[in-house]
Amino acid sequence: MGMIKTLERRGKRFLIGLTTRLVRTQPMTPEAVLADKPNRFLVIRQHNQMGDMLLATPAFRAIKESCPGSHLCVVTAPINRDVLLNNPHVDSVFTYNNRNPFSTIRLIRDLRRGHHDMVVVLHTVSFSFTSAIIGLLAGARIRAGSTSGPFESRLSKSLYHLELPLPDKGELERMNEAEHNLVPLRTLGIDTDDLSPLFIPTASDQEWADEFLARRATGGNPCIVVHPGAGKKENVWAPANFADVVNRLAAASPIDLFVVEGPRDAENVGMFGRSVRVAHHVLFGRKIGEIAAVLRRADLVLCNDTGVMHVACAAGANTLAVFGPTDPIRWAPRCANLTVVRAENGNLKKLSVPTVYDKAAELLRLVHGGKGDSER
């Protein structure tokens, strides 16, 4: 596997070097771009992290707010397609499947048929050579994208008419990722005051959630959804701790409990299930839109710093998230419905159950007028 990765990196460096020698693009100033009055925008952000995509949704809002009447298309990875399908700021969604070359050919064909005025390639935590090439092949009159300078590459100077700035390292350390996505766009006067993420489940997703909860929830008890897993092991607070919090909440007042299990969460969900003393239902193998529709109906979503947290926040759910090594200033969604509890020095082993329980009980009191009030 190490040899394959080495060959891939060498191959990519060769292609980047070749591209910078073969492609020459006439630079434009921001004033010249604005004078062109682009109206049909194509944003390429085909990274596969769901949380990162939801943190980019304020950038889509900014385009629509700053350019009234504009048309916005987004290229994304298949995993994030459903996240954007019902977003009111996105008119069309295209998916890039890097495992299917024929799909890539069809994608480029469809993008060229869109006759976009301007393509914007958003890069933040890394520079994507693939995204830059898709932007080149999309056929838009104007190509703009975040500078590749911080990633030690001159590729953006070769491919983009307008090279968009990124914050320096010092600024970035205290900047939320939602704002990070907006920094390049501000060069063009594109901005928004609303940094909250947005995920609106479709009507069919909401109907499924209504039926699911009608069959399994009492309707009178507080509804709590727990996601004890995370994509990164270092972000996982012990599932038994989550179970302890739930047991304490249920000791004072009955609750309806649901557990979200992702593709890699079987072990953590199993440990939670063996420790919790409350009957519960597991959501597994459901579409992300259906899960979002359930989350937004919950009185409290209790989770780690992971993709489900971003989905819950973007769907408007009352969310309590446990943070460890990741800095919430940088990576927590900026929305009023999120409460963060962070472990001391980022060490989740030092985060006590009573600390999380107290905050969970407080949030349930706010929602249910005292139904979450209980004693340890």
Protein backbone atom coordinates (compact mmCIF):
# COMPACT_ATOMS: atom_id res chain seq x y z
CA MET A 1 0.00 0.00 0.00
CA GLY A 2 2.89 2.39 0.81
CA MET A 3 4.39 1.87 -2.66
CA ILE A 4 1.05 2.55 -4.34
CA LYS A 5 0.62 5.80 -2.42
CA THR A 6 4.14 6.86 -3.31
CA LEU A 7 3.49 6.20 -7.00
CA GLU A 8 0.21 8.13 -6.82
CA ARG A 9 1.93 11.14 -5.27
CA ARG A 10 4.71 11.07 -7.86
CA GLY A 11 2.17 10.76 -10.66
CA LYS A 12 0.18 13.69 -9.33
CA ARG A 13 3.30 15.85 -9.00
CA PHE A 14 4.18 15.01 -12.60
CA LEU A 15 0.70 15.97 -13.82
CA ILE A 16 0.74 19.21 -11.85
CA GLY A 17 4.13 20.13 -13.30
CA LEU A 18 2.95 19.28 -16.82
CA THR A 19 -0.24 21.31 -16.39
CA THR A 20 1.60 24.40 -15.19
CA ARG A 21 3.81 24.22 -18.29
CA LEU A 22 1.01 23.62 -20.81
CA VAL A 23 -1.82 25.81 -19.51
CA ARG A 24 -1.53 29.57 -19.56
CA THR A 25 -4.46 31.69 -18.40
CA GLN A 26 -4.71 35.46 -18.79
CA PRO A 27 -5.11 36.92 -15.29
CA MET A 28 -8.05 39.18 -14.46
CA THR A 29 -8.57 41.68 -11.67
CA PRO A 30 -11.58 41.43 -9.36
CA GLU A 31 -12.88 44.63 -10.99
CA ALA A 32 -12.71 43.05 -14.44
CA VAL A 33 -14.55 39.96 -13.22
CA LEU A 34 -17.30 42.06 -11.65
CA ALA A 35 -17.58 44.16 -14.82
CA ASP A 36 -18.31 40.94 -16.71
CA LYS A 37 -21.41 40.52 -14.47
CA PRO A 38 -21.38 36.72 -14.09
CA ASN A 39 -24.81 35.29 -13.34
CA ARG A 40 -24.48 31.53 -13.80
CA PHE A 41 -22.09 30.21 -11.14
CA LEU A 42 -20.54 26.76 -10.83
CA VAL A 43 -18.91 25.94 -7.50
CA ILE A 44 -16.66 22.88 -7.34
CA ARG A 45 -16.23 21.33 -3.92
CA GLN A 46 -16.01 17.60 -4.43
CA HIS A 47 -14.29 16.73 -1.13
CA ASN A 48 -16.06 13.78 0.50
CA GLN A 49 -16.27 14.96 4.13
CA MET A 50 -19.91 15.68 4.94
CA GLY A 51 -19.08 18.08 7.76
CA ASP A 52 -16.85 20.13 5.48
CA MET A 53 -19.60 20.35 2.88
CA LEU A 54 -22.15 21.58 5.42
CA LEU A 55 -19.66 24.18 6.64
CA ALA A 56 -19.48 25.38 3.03
CA THR A 57 -23.24 25.97 2.74
CA PRO A 58 -22.95 29.55 4.08
CA ALA A 59 -20.79 30.28 1.02
CA PHE A 60 -23.67 29.18 -1.22
CA ARG A 61 -26.02 31.42 0.75
CA ALA A 62 -23.58 34.28 0.26
CA ILE A 63 -23.59 33.90 -3.53
CA LYS A 64 -27.38 33.97 -3.65
CA GLU A 65 -27.66 36.93 -1.27
CA SER A 66 -24.94 38.96 -2.99
CA CYS A 67 -26.00 38.12 -6.55
CA PRO A 68 -29.83 38.19 -6.58
CA GLY A 69 -31.35 36.19 -9.40
CA SER A 70 -28.17 34.21 -10.03
CA HIS A 71 -28.12 30.50 -10.86
CA LEU A 72 -25.86 28.29 -8.74
CA CYS A 73 -24.69 24.76 -9.51
CA VAL A 74 -22.42 22.72 -7.24
CA VAL A 75 -20.16 19.76 -8.00
CA THR A 76 -19.88 17.41 -5.04
CA ALA A 77 -18.95 13.86 -4.10
CA PRO A 78 -21.77 11.26 -4.23
CA ILE A 79 -21.87 11.05 -0.43
CA ASN A 80 -22.87 14.72 -0.21
CA ARG A 81 -25.44 14.82 -3.00
CA ASP A 82 -28.44 14.41 -0.69
CA VAL A 83 -27.05 17.08 1.63
CA LEU A 84 -27.52 19.70 -1.09
CA LEU A 85 -30.54 18.44 -3.04
CA ASN A 86 -33.11 20.49 -1.13
CA ASN A 87 -30.90 23.47 -0.32
CA PRO A 88 -32.74 26.64 -1.43
CA HIS A 89 -29.44 28.31 -2.38
CA VAL A 90 -28.38 25.56 -4.81
CA ASP A 91 -30.20 25.22 -8.13
CA SER A 92 -28.47 22.08 -9.46
CA VAL A 93 -26.20 19.40 -8.03
CA PHE A 94 -23.63 17.44 -10.05
CA THR A 95 -21.72 14.51 -8.61
CA TYR A 96 -18.13 13.55 -9.29
CA ASN A 97 -17.41 9.83 -8.85
CA ASN A 98 -13.66 9.32 -8.96
CA ARG A 99 -14.09 5.56 -9.27
CA ASN A 100 -15.98 5.71 -12.56
CA PRO A 101 -14.16 7.28 -15.53
CA PHE A 102 -17.28 7.11 -17.70
CA SER A 103 -19.17 9.06 -15.04
CA THR A 104 -16.44 11.71 -15.16
CA ILE A 105 -16.82 12.05 -18.92
CA ARG A 106 -20.58 12.48 -18.55
CA LEU A 107 -20.01 15.04 -15.78
CA ILE A 108 -17.75 17.20 -17.95
CA ARG A 109 -20.24 16.96 -20.82
CA ASP A 110 -23.11 18.07 -18.58
CA LEU A 111 -21.08 20.89 -17.06
CA ARG A 112 -20.16 22.27 -20.48
CA ARG A 113 -23.82 22.19 -21.48
CA GLY A 114 -24.57 24.44 -18.52
CA HIS A 115 -22.81 27.42 -20.18
CA HIS A 116 -21.68 28.80 -16.83
CA ASP A 117 -20.34 32.33 -16.70
CA MET A 118 -17.98 31.61 -13.84
CA VAL A 119 -16.55 28.57 -12.09
CA VAL A 120 -15.33 28.94 -8.51
CA VAL A 121 -13.10 26.21 -7.07
CA LEU A 122 -13.21 26.41 -3.28
CA HIS A 123 -10.12 25.02 -1.55
CA THR A 124 -9.62 25.38 2.18
CA VAL A 125 -7.74 22.71 4.15
CA SER A 126 -6.02 21.30 1.05
CA PHE A 127 -5.58 22.04 -2.64
CA SER A 128 -7.43 19.62 -4.91
CA PHE A 129 -5.76 19.08 -8.28
CA THR A 130 -8.86 17.16 -9.40
CA SER A 131 -11.18 20.04 -8.57
CA ALA A 132 -8.95 22.48 -10.43
CA ILE A 133 -8.94 20.29 -13.56
CA ILE A 134 -12.73 19.89 -13.44
CA GLY A 135 -12.92 23.67 -13.27
CA LEU A 136 -10.70 23.95 -16.32
CA LEU A 137 -12.74 21.46 -18.34
CA ALA A 138 -16.14 22.86 -17.31
CA GLY A 139 -15.91 25.51 -20.03
CA ALA A 140 -16.88 28.61 -18.03
CA ARG A 141 -15.80 32.01 -19.34
CA ILE A 142 -14.12 32.88 -16.06
CA ARG A 143 -12.26 30.55 -13.73
CA ALA A 144 -11.56 31.58 -10.16
CA GLY A 145 -10.24 29.58 -7.27
CA SER A 146 -8.47 29.71 -3.96
CA THR A 147 -4.73 30.16 -4.27
CA SER A 148 -2.55 27.06 -4.22
CA GLY A 149 0.33 29.08 -2.76
CA PRO A 150 -0.07 27.83 0.83
CA PHE A 151 0.16 24.28 -0.53
CA GLU A 152 3.45 24.95 -2.34
CA SER A 153 2.03 24.88 -5.84
CA ARG A 154 1.81 27.37 -8.71
CA LEU A 155 -1.13 25.54 -10.25
CA SER A 156 -3.71 28.18 -9.40
CA LYS A 157 -1.75 30.83 -11.31
CA SER A 158 -1.84 28.64 -14.40
CA LEU A 159 -5.49 27.59 -14.26
CA TYR A 160 -7.42 30.54 -12.84
CA HIS A 161 -8.18 33.94 -14.32
CA LEU A 162 -8.58 35.16 -10.77
CA GLU A 163 -6.55 33.71 -7.92
CA LEU A 164 -8.53 34.12 -4.70
CA PRO A 165 -6.77 34.70 -1.36
CA LEU A 166 -6.78 32.49 1.71
CA PRO A 167 -6.10 33.64 5.28
CA ASP A 168 -2.59 33.31 6.64
CA LYS A 169 -1.77 30.71 9.27
CA GLY A 170 -2.20 33.11 12.17
CA GLU A 171 -5.64 34.25 11.05
CA LEU A 172 -6.75 30.71 10.32
CA GLU A 173 -6.01 29.45 13.82
CA ARG A 174 -8.89 31.51 15.22
CA MET A 175 -11.19 31.42 12.20
CA ASN A 176 -14.21 29.16 11.87
CA GLU A 177 -14.27 26.97 8.77
CA ALA A 178 -17.55 28.52 7.60
CA GLU A 179 -15.85 31.90 7.43
CA HIS A 180 -12.76 30.29 5.89
CA ASN A 181 -14.93 29.35 2.89
CA LEU A 182 -16.07 32.95 2.57
CA VAL A 183 -12.62 34.57 2.59
CA PRO A 184 -11.95 33.92 -1.13
CA LEU A 185 -15.44 35.07 -2.16
CA ARG A 186 -15.14 38.38 -0.33
CA THR A 187 -12.66 39.47 -2.99
CA LEU A 188 -15.69 39.64 -5.29
CA GLY A 189 -17.94 41.33 -2.77
CA ILE A 190 -19.72 38.06 -2.02
CA ASP A 191 -20.51 37.73 1.68
CA THR A 192 -23.22 36.94 4.24
CA ASP A 193 -23.85 37.67 7.90
CA ASP A 194 -25.36 34.21 8.42
CA LEU A 195 -22.68 31.56 9.00
CA SER A 196 -25.12 28.83 10.04
CA PRO A 197 -25.13 25.58 8.01
CA LEU A 198 -28.29 24.44 6.25
CA PHE A 199 -29.70 20.99 5.49
CA ILE A 200 -33.39 20.71 4.62
CA PRO A 201 -34.65 17.12 4.27
CA THR A 202 -36.94 16.45 1.33
CA ALA A 203 -40.70 16.02 1.76
CA SER A 204 -40.35 12.24 1.38
CA ASP A 205 -37.60 12.17 4.04
CA GLN A 206 -39.82 14.09 6.44
CA GLU A 207 -42.79 11.81 5.77
CA TRP A 208 -40.63 8.77 6.53
CA ALA A 209 -39.44 10.34 9.79
CA ASP A 210 -43.00 11.15 10.82
CA GLU A 211 -44.09 7.54 10.26
CA PHE A 212 -40.98 6.13 11.94
CA LEU A 213 -41.45 8.21 15.09
CA ALA A 214 -45.22 7.71 15.17
CA ARG A 215 -44.69 3.94 15.45
CA ARG A 216 -41.88 4.08 18.02
CA ALA A 217 -42.21 7.23 20.13
CA THR A 218 -44.82 7.87 22.80
CA GLY A 219 -45.27 11.47 21.78
CA GLY A 220 -45.28 12.77 25.35
CA ASN A 221 -41.80 11.89 26.51
CA PRO A 222 -38.70 13.87 25.57
CA CYS A 223 -37.14 12.40 22.43
CA ILE A 224 -33.37 11.94 22.66
CA VAL A 225 -31.14 10.83 19.79
CA VAL A 226 -27.61 9.63 20.59
CA HIS A 227 -24.75 9.08 18.16
CA PRO A 228 -21.93 7.46 20.17
CA GLY A 229 -19.54 7.00 17.23
CA ALA A 230 -17.30 9.25 15.15
CA GLY A 231 -15.33 9.07 11.94
CA LYS A 232 -12.10 9.64 13.89
CA LYS A 233 -11.33 7.40 16.85
CA GLU A 234 -9.71 10.23 18.76
CA ASN A 235 -13.06 12.09 18.70
CA VAL A 236 -14.98 9.30 20.46
CA TRP A 237 -16.02 9.87 24.06
CA ALA A 238 -16.54 6.45 25.68
CA PRO A 239 -19.95 5.04 24.62
CA ALA A 240 -20.49 3.88 28.21
CA ASN A 241 -20.28 7.54 29.25
CA PHE A 242 -23.03 8.49 26.81
CA ALA A 243 -25.07 5.60 28.23
CA ASP A 244 -24.48 6.87 31.77
CA VAL A 245 -25.75 10.34 30.80
CA VAL A 246 -28.90 8.83 29.26
CA ASN A 247 -29.49 6.56 32.27
CA ARG A 248 -29.34 9.56 34.60
CA LEU A 249 -31.76 11.55 32.45
CA ALA A 250 -34.20 8.64 32.26
CA ALA A 251 -34.02 8.05 36.03
CA ALA A 252 -36.07 11.19 36.67
CA SER A 253 -38.42 11.16 33.70
CA PRO A 254 -39.25 8.64 30.92
CA ILE A 255 -37.63 9.32 27.56
CA ASP A 256 -37.90 8.01 24.02
CA LEU A 257 -34.40 6.99 22.94
CA PHE A 258 -33.03 6.55 19.43
CA VAL A 259 -29.47 5.72 18.38
CA VAL A 260 -27.84 6.61 15.06
CA GLU A 261 -25.41 4.01 13.72
CA GLY A 262 -23.19 4.84 10.76
CA PRO A 263 -21.27 2.36 8.57
CA ARG A 264 -18.30 2.25 10.98
CA ASP A 265 -20.15 2.63 14.28
CA ALA A 266 -21.12 -0.98 15.07
CA GLU A 267 -18.59 -1.37 17.89
CA ASN A 268 -19.43 1.92 19.59
CA VAL A 269 -23.18 1.42 19.21
CA GLY A 270 -22.78 -2.09 20.65
CA MET A 271 -20.92 -0.78 23.70
CA PHE A 272 -23.55 1.91 24.20
CA GLY A 273 -26.34 -0.66 23.93
CA ARG A 274 -24.77 -2.92 26.56
CA SER A 275 -24.50 -0.04 29.03
CA VAL A 276 -27.75 1.85 28.56
CA ARG A 277 -30.75 0.78 30.62
CA VAL A 278 -33.34 2.42 28.39
CA ALA A 279 -35.20 0.70 25.56
CA HIS A 280 -34.10 2.21 22.28
CA HIS A 281 -34.36 1.97 18.51
CA VAL A 282 -31.32 2.02 16.21
CA LEU A 283 -31.33 3.93 12.93
CA PHE A 284 -29.02 2.05 10.60
CA GLY A 285 -28.73 1.98 6.82
CA ARG A 286 -31.07 4.93 6.30
CA LYS A 287 -30.55 7.84 3.92
CA ILE A 288 -28.90 10.87 5.42
CA GLY A 289 -31.99 12.94 4.64
CA GLU A 290 -34.17 10.55 6.65
CA ILE A 291 -31.74 10.69 9.56
CA ALA A 292 -31.71 14.50 9.39
CA ALA A 293 -35.51 14.53 9.46
CA VAL A 294 -35.49 12.42 12.65
CA LEU A 295 -32.78 14.57 14.25
CA ARG A 296 -34.68 17.81 13.69
CA ARG A 297 -37.70 16.35 15.53
CA ALA A 298 -35.65 15.37 18.59
CA ASP A 299 -35.71 17.35 21.81
CA LEU A 300 -31.99 16.68 22.19
CA VAL A 301 -29.27 15.21 19.99
CA LEU A 302 -26.28 14.00 22.00
CA CYS A 303 -23.19 13.21 19.94
CA ASN A 304 -19.46 13.42 19.36
CA ASP A 305 -17.68 15.88 17.08
CA THR A 306 -18.43 14.12 13.81
CA GLY A 307 -20.55 14.24 10.65
CA VAL A 308 -23.84 13.54 12.43
CA MET A 309 -23.21 16.61 14.60
CA HIS A 310 -22.97 18.75 11.46
CA VAL A 311 -26.12 17.18 10.03
CA ALA A 312 -28.05 17.76 13.28
CA CYS A 313 -26.95 21.38 13.49
CA ALA A 314 -27.71 22.08 9.83
CA ALA A 315 -31.16 20.48 10.19
CA GLY A 316 -31.98 22.73 13.16
CA ALA A 317 -31.82 20.11 15.91
CA ASN A 318 -31.15 21.03 19.55
CA THR A 319 -27.64 19.56 19.72
CA LEU A 320 -25.14 18.88 22.50
CA ALA A 321 -21.74 17.90 21.07
CA VAL A 322 -18.72 16.54 22.91
CA PHE A 323 -15.40 17.90 21.61
CA GLY A 324 -11.96 16.50 22.35
CA PRO A 325 -8.79 17.27 20.38
CA THR A 326 -10.56 19.26 17.67
CA ASP A 327 -10.87 22.99 18.31
CA PRO A 328 -14.57 23.97 18.22
CA ILE A 329 -13.62 27.55 17.38
CA ARG A 330 -12.36 26.23 14.04
CA TRP A 331 -14.70 23.35 13.35
CA ALA A 332 -17.97 23.64 15.27
CA PRO A 333 -20.92 24.88 13.21
CA ARG A 334 -21.87 28.48 13.89
CA CYS A 335 -25.51 28.14 14.93
CA ALA A 336 -27.63 28.92 17.99
CA ASN A 337 -28.93 25.34 18.29
CA LEU A 338 -25.48 23.88 19.12
CA THR A 339 -24.02 23.60 22.61
CA VAL A 340 -20.44 22.38 22.95
CA VAL A 341 -18.78 20.64 25.89
CA ARG A 342 -15.03 20.37 25.38
CA ALA A 343 -12.70 18.11 27.32
CA GLU A 344 -9.92 19.76 29.30
CA ASN A 345 -6.80 20.06 27.11
CA GLY A 346 -8.69 18.13 24.43
CA ASN A 347 -8.36 14.89 26.44
CA LEU A 348 -11.71 13.10 26.32
CA LYS A 349 -10.67 10.78 29.15
CA LYS A 350 -10.78 13.81 31.45
CA LEU A 351 -14.34 14.76 30.52
CA SER A 352 -16.67 13.62 33.31
CA VAL A 353 -20.16 12.23 32.92
CA PRO A 354 -21.65 14.77 35.39
CA THR A 355 -20.33 17.64 33.26
CA VAL A 356 -22.12 16.41 30.13
CA TYR A 357 -25.18 15.31 32.11
CA ASP A 358 -25.63 18.76 33.67
CA LYS A 359 -25.60 20.43 30.27
CA ALA A 360 -27.94 17.83 28.76
CA ALA A 361 -30.42 18.24 31.63
CA GLU A 362 -30.29 22.01 31.25
CA LEU A 363 -31.03 21.81 27.52
CA LEU A 364 -33.94 19.44 28.09
CA ARG A 365 -35.36 21.81 30.71
CA LEU A 366 -35.28 24.61 28.16
CA VAL A 367 -37.18 22.49 25.65
CA HIS A 368 -39.59 20.62 27.90
CA GLY A 369 -40.19 23.11 30.68
CA GLY A 370 -38.79 20.97 33.47
CA LYS A 371 -39.22 17.47 32.12
CA GLY A 372 -35.46 17.16 31.86
CA ASP A 373 -34.89 18.31 35.43
CA SER A 374 -33.40 15.44 37.39
CA GLU A 375 -30.91 14.79 40.13
CA ARG A 376 -27.70 12.81 39.97
